[in-house]
Amino acid sequence: MLTRSPYRCPGDDSVIHSACAGMLSHWSRPVDEHIARTSLGETYILSVGAPTARPIIVLAGGDLPAAGLRVLAEQLDDSRRAILVDLPGLPGGSARTRPAAEIHAAYGRWLMEVFDALGVASAPVIGLGWSASVAAAAADVDRVEKLVLAAPLGLVPRARWHRALIPGLQWRNEPNLENTQRYLQALAGGGYQPDDPTLRWSCRVGAYCTSLTGLPRIGRSVLQRWRGRAVEIVVGEQDPLIQLSSLRKLAEDMSIDLQVVPGAGHLLAVEAPARLAEGVFAPRS
């Protein structure tokens, strides 16, 4: 049963959906919008590039919606089609509810439904933030050509005390532009300046959405299915939310490539989009 929602009050999802639509006005390339009907409700999908080109599927992870991933989409190879997906139950353009139990299994099946709705037999997948654990939960690993887990949440315990904690509380309690900018800069690496669309989006998330910190971690047995496959973890050297030592140990135990981006924090889709694009195409070491 779908019982969880990221929104504070009924109707708040409409505000967030409108904010997603507003972010599309900043795209310079043509963008196709699509709604896929899945077992988790309506799933909002953006496609950029030639319809006949080989696809890359990017799962938005809550920090930015599909409509906010313009910079990352521009870094992907022009010969590929970028398919940007908002997860049901996370802030974005998709349905407002998510599973209350067995959440990764449900999302793993949902991801394959998205593949089927798009007519995609197999493709590389980038999971951003909490969506990294969703990507890793894919029900059919054979359909994922390469798995890139970027700034991954839900793989190892979150850092409990970090530099973004107090700015995050201030952002939640009083989500004005000043507090939002302070929070985004605390999440990111040094010197990051959010652009206006990102700043205004995050301000609305603070006002209308609840925290995602209570979402569960993925089971180790689910991760074990990826042993020996093309998997890469990309994390910012200054990511305040992730226990880097725990992530290193996980990558070592699983024989997964771990790439640490110097100077970057948690917002890799806007801080280091070229590095994420490289991660899709780089051969396994």
Foldseek 3Di string as FASTA:
>chain_A
DWDAFFWDDPPLLVVLAVLLVVLLVPAPFDKDWDWAQFPLGTKIKIKGADLPAAEEEEEDDQLDAQSNLRLLQVLADNRYMYMGIYDARHRYNTHGTADPPPRLLVLLDRVVSVCVSSVQQAHAYEYAEQRLSSQLSNPDCVRHQAYEYELYDQADAWDPDFQLVVLLVVCLVQLDLVSLQVNVCRQWFPPDGDDPSSSVSSSSSSVTTHDPNPDHHDDVVSNLVCQPHHYEYEAEPAAGTDPVVVVVVSCVVRVHHYHYHYRTYRPCSPVPSNVVSVSRVDDDD
